[in-house]
């Protein structure tokens, strides 16, 4: 098993963050329930993202836990921050 470079982790976190932000911006233009829809999508993507670390063949237990915690950490930061930037239905 090869080590994942820190740069790759930061890069993928940034790319997925920008994709999530773009999706939220599009949803805000298309629906009044953008914040709720985006949150459901974001949580679904988080659950699906656990598939790699948890179901991948040949991944040691420690690496599985570390990868799952990295996914959780990114989601724990991004989901509340992006939700807070999206206007509520009442504010529109």
Foldseek 3Di string as FASTA:
>chain_A
DDDDDPVVLVVVLVVVLVVLLVQLVVLLVVDLCSLVVSLVVLVVVLVVQLCCLPVPPPHDPVSSVVSNVSSVVSSVPRSVVSSVVRDHSVVD
